[in-house]
Amino acid sequence: MSRLFSFVHASLTDANAALSRDETAQTMAEYGVVLALVTLAVLGSMMLLSGRVNGAFNSVAGLL
């Protein structure tokens, strides 16, 4: 009887673990990758546009 109880208990525990797998770690990793890509895009655009923005500020400062 105790062997049957142990088998049923182990089977239910394994089934419960399979049904309730937590995927939040995978989602957080995906968000991290997206955040890194957005950060690289912002930094790249700032580097490309820095000369033009600086020139625009200098023009405005010259007019004032």
PDB file of N, CA and C in Angstrom:
ATOM      1  N   MET A   1       0.817  -1.191   0.000  1.00  0.00           N
ATOM      2  CA  MET A   1       0.000   0.000   0.000  1.00  0.00           C
ATOM      3  C   MET A   1       0.861   1.254   0.000  1.00  0.00           C
ATOM      4  N   SER A   2       1.939   1.249   0.774  1.00  0.00           N
ATOM      5  CA  SER A   2       2.781   2.438   0.827  1.00  0.00           C
ATOM      6  C   SER A   2       3.527   2.656  -0.492  1.00  0.00           C
ATOM      7  N   ARG A   3       3.824   1.565  -1.216  1.00  0.00           N
ATOM      8  CA  ARG A   3       4.470   1.716  -2.520  1.00  0.00           C
ATOM      9  C   ARG A   3       3.524   2.390  -3.494  1.00  0.00           C
ATOM     10  N   LEU A   4       2.244   2.026  -3.441  1.00  0.00           N
ATOM     11  CA  LEU A   4       1.250   2.646  -4.308  1.00  0.00           C
ATOM     12  C   LEU A   4       1.109   4.122  -3.958  1.00  0.00           C
ATOM     13  N   PHE A   5       1.067   4.429  -2.679  1.00  0.00           N
ATOM     14  CA  PHE A   5       0.966   5.824  -2.254  1.00  0.00           C
ATOM     15  C   PHE A   5       2.184   6.625  -2.723  1.00  0.00           C
ATOM     16  N   SER A   6       3.367   6.056  -2.594  1.00  0.00           N
ATOM     17  CA  SER A   6       4.590   6.737  -3.029  1.00  0.00           C
ATOM     18  C   SER A   6       4.572   6.968  -4.532  1.00  0.00           C
ATOM     19  N   PHE A   7       4.121   5.968  -5.286  1.00  0.00           N
ATOM     20  CA  PHE A   7       4.059   6.104  -6.744  1.00  0.00           C
ATOM     21  C   PHE A   7       3.077   7.191  -7.150  1.00  0.00           C
ATOM     22  N   VAL A   8       1.893   7.199  -6.557  1.00  0.00           N
ATOM     23  CA  VAL A   8       0.883   8.193  -6.886  1.00  0.00           C
ATOM     24  C   VAL A   8       1.367   9.591  -6.491  1.00  0.00           C
ATOM     25  N   HIS A   9       1.959   9.685  -5.324  1.00  0.00           N
ATOM     26  CA  HIS A   9       2.464  10.973  -4.860  1.00  0.00           C
ATOM     27  C   HIS A   9       3.549  11.503  -5.813  1.00  0.00           C
ATOM     28  N   ALA A  10       4.487  10.648  -6.201  1.00  0.00           N
ATOM     29  CA  ALA A  10       5.562  11.055  -7.110  1.00  0.00           C
ATOM     30  C   ALA A  10       5.001  11.446  -8.467  1.00  0.00           C
ATOM     31  N   SER A  11       4.023  10.711  -8.956  1.00  0.00           N
ATOM     32  CA  SER A  11       3.421  11.022 -10.255  1.00  0.00           C
ATOM     33  C   SER A  11       2.695  12.358 -10.229  1.00  0.00           C
ATOM     34  N   LEU A  12       1.955  12.595  -9.161  1.00  0.00           N
ATOM     35  CA  LEU A  12       1.243  13.871  -9.052  1.00  0.00           C
ATOM     36  C   LEU A  12       2.208  15.044  -8.892  1.00  0.00           C
ATOM     37  N   THR A  13       3.277  14.835  -8.172  1.00  0.00           N
ATOM     38  CA  THR A  13       4.275  15.893  -7.991  1.00  0.00           C
ATOM     39  C   THR A  13       4.932  16.234  -9.319  1.00  0.00           C
ATOM     40  N   ASP A  14       5.293  15.220 -10.098  1.00  0.00           N
ATOM     41  CA  ASP A  14       5.901  15.454 -11.409  1.00  0.00           C
ATOM     42  C   ASP A  14       4.923  16.127 -12.361  1.00  0.00           C
ATOM     43  N   ALA A  15       3.666  15.703 -12.340  1.00  0.00           N
ATOM     44  CA  ALA A  15       2.659  16.305 -13.207  1.00  0.00           C
ATOM     45  C   ALA A  15       2.419  17.762 -12.832  1.00  0.00           C
ATOM     46  N   ASN A  16       2.380  18.039 -11.540  1.00  0.00           N
ATOM     47  CA  ASN A  16       2.184  19.413 -11.084  1.00  0.00           C
ATOM     48  C   ASN A  16       3.363  20.290 -11.499  1.00  0.00           C
ATOM     49  N   ALA A  17       4.576  19.772 -11.380  1.00  0.00           N
ATOM     50  CA  ALA A  17       5.761  20.539 -11.766  1.00  0.00           C
ATOM     51  C   ALA A  17       5.773  20.803 -13.268  1.00  0.00           C
ATOM     52  N   ALA A  18       5.338  19.833 -14.057  1.00  0.00           N
ATOM     53  CA  ALA A  18       5.312  20.017 -15.508  1.00  0.00           C
ATOM     54  C   ALA A  18       4.270  21.045 -15.923  1.00  0.00           C
ATOM     55  N   LEU A  19       3.158  21.087 -15.206  1.00  0.00           N
ATOM     56  CA  LEU A  19       2.096  22.032 -15.564  1.00  0.00           C
ATOM     57  C   LEU A  19       2.387  23.454 -15.104  1.00  0.00           C
ATOM     58  N   SER A  20       3.145  23.595 -14.054  1.00  0.00           N
ATOM     59  CA  SER A  20       3.361  24.929 -13.490  1.00  0.00           C
ATOM     60  C   SER A  20       4.778  25.432 -13.703  1.00  0.00           C
ATOM     61  N   ARG A  21       5.350  25.151 -14.848  1.00  0.00           N
ATOM     62  CA  ARG A  21       6.697  25.649 -15.130  1.00  0.00           C
ATOM     63  C   ARG A  21       6.640  27.162 -15.256  1.00  0.00           C
ATOM     64  N   ASP A  22       7.564  27.799 -14.631  1.00  0.00           N
ATOM     65  CA  ASP A  22       7.609  29.257 -14.592  1.00  0.00           C
ATOM     66  C   ASP A  22       8.452  29.761 -15.750  1.00  0.00           C
ATOM     67  N   GLU A  23       7.864  30.600 -16.609  1.00  0.00           N
ATOM     68  CA  GLU A  23       8.574  31.129 -17.762  1.00  0.00           C
ATOM     69  C   GLU A  23       8.932  32.598 -17.586  1.00  0.00           C
ATOM     70  N   THR A  24       8.882  33.115 -16.371  1.00  0.00           N
ATOM     71  CA  THR A  24       9.187  34.532 -16.179  1.00  0.00           C
ATOM     72  C   THR A  24      10.658  34.816 -16.412  1.00  0.00           C
ATOM     73  N   ALA A  25      11.527  33.880 -16.135  1.00  0.00           N
ATOM     74  CA  ALA A  25      12.958  34.105 -16.365  1.00  0.00           C
ATOM     75  C   ALA A  25      13.231  34.273 -17.848  1.00  0.00           C
ATOM     76  N   GLN A  26      12.576  33.487 -18.681  1.00  0.00           N
ATOM     77  CA  GLN A  26      12.750  33.610 -20.123  1.00  0.00           C
ATOM     78  C   GLN A  26      12.225  34.960 -20.598  1.00  0.00           C
ATOM     79  N   THR A  27      11.109  35.394 -20.078  1.00  0.00           N
ATOM     80  CA  THR A  27      10.541  36.677 -20.469  1.00  0.00           C
ATOM     81  C   THR A  27      11.456  37.807 -20.049  1.00  0.00           C
ATOM     82  N   MET A  28      12.024  37.734 -18.859  1.00  0.00           N
ATOM     83  CA  MET A  28      12.936  38.774 -18.397  1.00  0.00           C
ATOM     84  C   MET A  28      14.186  38.828 -19.269  1.00  0.00           C
ATOM     85  N   ALA A  29      14.660  37.680 -19.713  1.00  0.00           N
ATOM     86  CA  ALA A  29      15.823  37.663 -20.594  1.00  0.00           C
ATOM     87  C   ALA A  29      15.491  38.325 -21.925  1.00  0.00           C
ATOM     88  N   GLU A  30      14.303  38.079 -22.440  1.00  0.00           N
ATOM     89  CA  GLU A  30      13.882  38.721 -23.694  1.00  0.00           C
ATOM     90  C   GLU A  30      13.788  40.232 -23.524  1.00  0.00           C
ATOM     91  N   TYR A  31      13.240  40.678 -22.405  1.00  0.00           N
ATOM     92  CA  TYR A  31      13.178  42.116 -22.145  1.00  0.00           C
ATOM     93  C   TYR A  31      14.576  42.713 -22.042  1.00  0.00           C
ATOM     94  N   GLY A  32      15.497  41.982 -21.457  1.00  0.00           N
ATOM     95  CA  GLY A  32      16.871  42.453 -21.358  1.00  0.00           C
ATOM     96  C   GLY A  32      17.523  42.624 -22.719  1.00  0.00           C
ATOM     97  N   VAL A  33      17.272  41.680 -23.627  1.00  0.00           N
ATOM     98  CA  VAL A  33      17.822  41.776 -24.979  1.00  0.00           C
ATOM     99  C   VAL A  33      17.228  42.973 -25.714  1.00  0.00           C
ATOM    100  N   VAL A  34      15.926  43.169 -25.589  1.00  0.00           N
ATOM    101  CA  VAL A  34      15.274  44.305 -26.244  1.00  0.00           C
ATOM    102  C   VAL A  34      15.799  45.614 -25.670  1.00  0.00           C
ATOM    103  N   LEU A  35      15.970  45.683 -24.365  1.00  0.00           N
ATOM    104  CA  LEU A  35      16.499  46.892 -23.733  1.00  0.00           C
ATOM    105  C   LEU A  35      17.914  47.184 -24.223  1.00  0.00           C
ATOM    106  N   ALA A  36      18.733  46.164 -24.366  1.00  0.00           N
ATOM    107  CA  ALA A  36      20.097  46.356 -24.859  1.00  0.00           C
ATOM    108  C   ALA A  36      20.085  46.867 -26.294  1.00  0.00           C
ATOM    109  N   LEU A  37      19.214  46.330 -27.135  1.00  0.00           N
ATOM    110  CA  LEU A  37      19.136  46.791 -28.524  1.00  0.00           C
ATOM    111  C   LEU A  37      18.653  48.231 -28.617  1.00  0.00           C
ATOM    112  N   VAL A  38      17.672  48.594 -27.817  1.00  0.00           N
ATOM    113  CA  VAL A  38      17.174  49.969 -27.814  1.00  0.00           C
ATOM    114  C   VAL A  38      18.262  50.916 -27.331  1.00  0.00           C
ATOM    115  N   THR A  39      19.003  50.512 -26.296  1.00  0.00           N
ATOM    116  CA  THR A  39      20.090  51.339 -25.784  1.00  0.00           C
ATOM    117  C   THR A  39      21.156  51.559 -26.846  1.00  0.00           C
ATOM    118  N   LEU A  40      21.521  50.508 -27.562  1.00  0.00           N
ATOM    119  CA  LEU A  40      22.509  50.650 -28.631  1.00  0.00           C
ATOM    120  C   LEU A  40      22.000  51.552 -29.744  1.00  0.00           C
ATOM    121  N   ALA A  41      20.724  51.448 -30.082  1.00  0.00           N
ATOM    122  CA  ALA A  41      20.155  52.302 -31.128  1.00  0.00           C
ATOM    123  C   ALA A  41      20.157  53.766 -30.708  1.00  0.00           C
ATOM    124  N   VAL A  42      19.817  54.038 -29.459  1.00  0.00           N
ATOM    125  CA  VAL A  42      19.807  55.422 -28.966  1.00  0.00           C
ATOM    126  C   VAL A  42      21.224  55.987 -28.933  1.00  0.00           C
ATOM    127  N   LEU A  43      22.173  55.207 -28.432  1.00  0.00           N
ATOM    128  CA  LEU A  43      23.556  55.685 -28.385  1.00  0.00           C
ATOM    129  C   LEU A  43      24.113  55.920 -29.790  1.00  0.00           C
ATOM    130  N   GLY A  44      23.805  55.025 -30.706  1.00  0.00           N
ATOM    131  CA  GLY A  44      24.262  55.195 -32.084  1.00  0.00           C
ATOM    132  C   GLY A  44      23.681  56.434 -32.740  1.00  0.00           C
ATOM    133  N   SER A  45      22.398  56.677 -32.529  1.00  0.00           N
ATOM    134  CA  SER A  45      21.777  57.860 -33.123  1.00  0.00           C
ATOM    135  C   SER A  45      22.305  59.137 -32.483  1.00  0.00           C
ATOM    136  N   MET A  46      22.593  59.096 -31.193  1.00  0.00           N
ATOM    137  CA  MET A  46      23.170  60.274 -30.531  1.00  0.00           C
ATOM    138  C   MET A  46      24.556  60.578 -31.093  1.00  0.00           C
ATOM    139  N   MET A  47      25.326  59.545 -31.358  1.00  0.00           N
ATOM    140  CA  MET A  47      26.667  59.762 -31.908  1.00  0.00           C
ATOM    141  C   MET A  47      26.583  60.307 -33.328  1.00  0.00           C
ATOM    142  N   LEU A  48      25.635  59.808 -34.117  1.00  0.00           N
ATOM    143  CA  LEU A  48      25.503  60.276 -35.496  1.00  0.00           C
ATOM    144  C   LEU A  48      24.977  61.704 -35.572  1.00  0.00           C
ATOM    145  N   LEU A  49      24.108  62.073 -34.670  1.00  0.00           N
ATOM    146  CA  LEU A  49      23.472  63.385 -34.727  1.00  0.00           C
ATOM    147  C   LEU A  49      24.148  64.431 -33.856  1.00  0.00           C
ATOM    148  N   SER A  50      25.177  64.067 -33.116  1.00  0.00           N
ATOM    149  CA  SER A  50      25.770  65.016 -32.170  1.00  0.00           C
ATOM    150  C   SER A  50      26.350  66.241 -32.867  1.00  0.00           C
ATOM    151  N   GLY A  51      26.969  66.062 -34.018  1.00  0.00           N
ATOM    152  CA  GLY A  51      27.537  67.192 -34.741  1.00  0.00           C
ATOM    153  C   GLY A  51      26.469  68.156 -35.219  1.00  0.00           C
ATOM    154  N   ARG A  52      25.375  67.635 -35.727  1.00  0.00           N
ATOM    155  CA  ARG A  52      24.284  68.489 -36.221  1.00  0.00           C
ATOM    156  C   ARG A  52      23.594  69.230 -35.081  1.00  0.00           C
ATOM    157  N   VAL A  53      23.394  68.548 -33.960  1.00  0.00           N
ATOM    158  CA  VAL A  53      22.756  69.186 -32.816  1.00  0.00           C
ATOM    159  C   VAL A  53      23.663  70.284 -32.261  1.00  0.00           C
ATOM    160  N   ASN A  54      24.938  69.997 -32.194  1.00  0.00           N
ATOM    161  CA  ASN A  54      25.894  70.991 -31.718  1.00  0.00           C
ATOM    162  C   ASN A  54      25.897  72.200 -32.647  1.00  0.00           C
ATOM    163  N   GLY A  55      25.859  71.964 -33.954  1.00  0.00           N
ATOM    164  CA  GLY A  55      25.809  73.065 -34.915  1.00  0.00           C
ATOM    165  C   GLY A  55      24.533  73.885 -34.773  1.00  0.00           C
ATOM    166  N   ALA A  56      23.422  73.221 -34.525  1.00  0.00           N
ATOM    167  CA  ALA A  56      22.155  73.943 -34.350  1.00  0.00           C
ATOM    168  C   ALA A  56      22.199  74.806 -33.094  1.00  0.00           C
ATOM    169  N   PHE A  57      22.743  74.286 -32.006  1.00  0.00           N
ATOM    170  CA  PHE A  57      22.858  75.086 -30.783  1.00  0.00           C
ATOM    171  C   PHE A  57      23.787  76.282 -30.989  1.00  0.00           C
ATOM    172  N   ASN A  58      24.880  76.068 -31.709  1.00  0.00           N
ATOM    173  CA  ASN A  58      25.792  77.176 -31.978  1.00  0.00           C
ATOM    174  C   ASN A  58      25.141  78.243 -32.848  1.00  0.00           C
ATOM    175  N   SER A  59      24.317  77.824 -33.813  1.00  0.00           N
ATOM    176  CA  SER A  59      23.603  78.796 -34.654  1.00  0.00           C
ATOM    177  C   SER A  59      22.628  79.618 -33.840  1.00  0.00           C
ATOM    178  N   VAL A  60      21.895  78.959 -32.969  1.00  0.00           N
ATOM    179  CA  VAL A  60      20.946  79.654 -32.128  1.00  0.00           C
ATOM    180  C   VAL A  60      21.673  80.591 -31.166  1.00  0.00           C
ATOM    181  N   ALA A  61      22.793  80.137 -30.613  1.00  0.00           N
ATOM    182  CA  ALA A  61      23.573  80.978 -29.702  1.00  0.00           C
ATOM    183  C   ALA A  61      24.138  82.185 -30.431  1.00  0.00           C
ATOM    184  N   GLY A  62      24.518  81.996 -31.703  1.00  0.00           N
ATOM    185  CA  GLY A  62      25.031  83.113 -32.494  1.00  0.00           C
ATOM    186  C   GLY A  62      23.952  84.138 -32.802  1.00  0.00           C
ATOM    187  N   LEU A  63      22.732  83.671 -33.011  1.00  0.00           N
ATOM    188  CA  LEU A  63      21.626  84.601 -33.280  1.00  0.00           C
ATOM    189  C   LEU A  63      21.239  85.386 -32.052  1.00  0.00           C
ATOM    190  N   LEU A  64      21.400  84.782 -30.887  1.00  0.00           N
ATOM    191  CA  LEU A  64      21.033  85.481 -29.658  1.00  0.00           C
ATOM    192  C   LEU A  64      22.088  86.495 -29.297  1.00  0.00           C
TER     193      LEU A  64
END
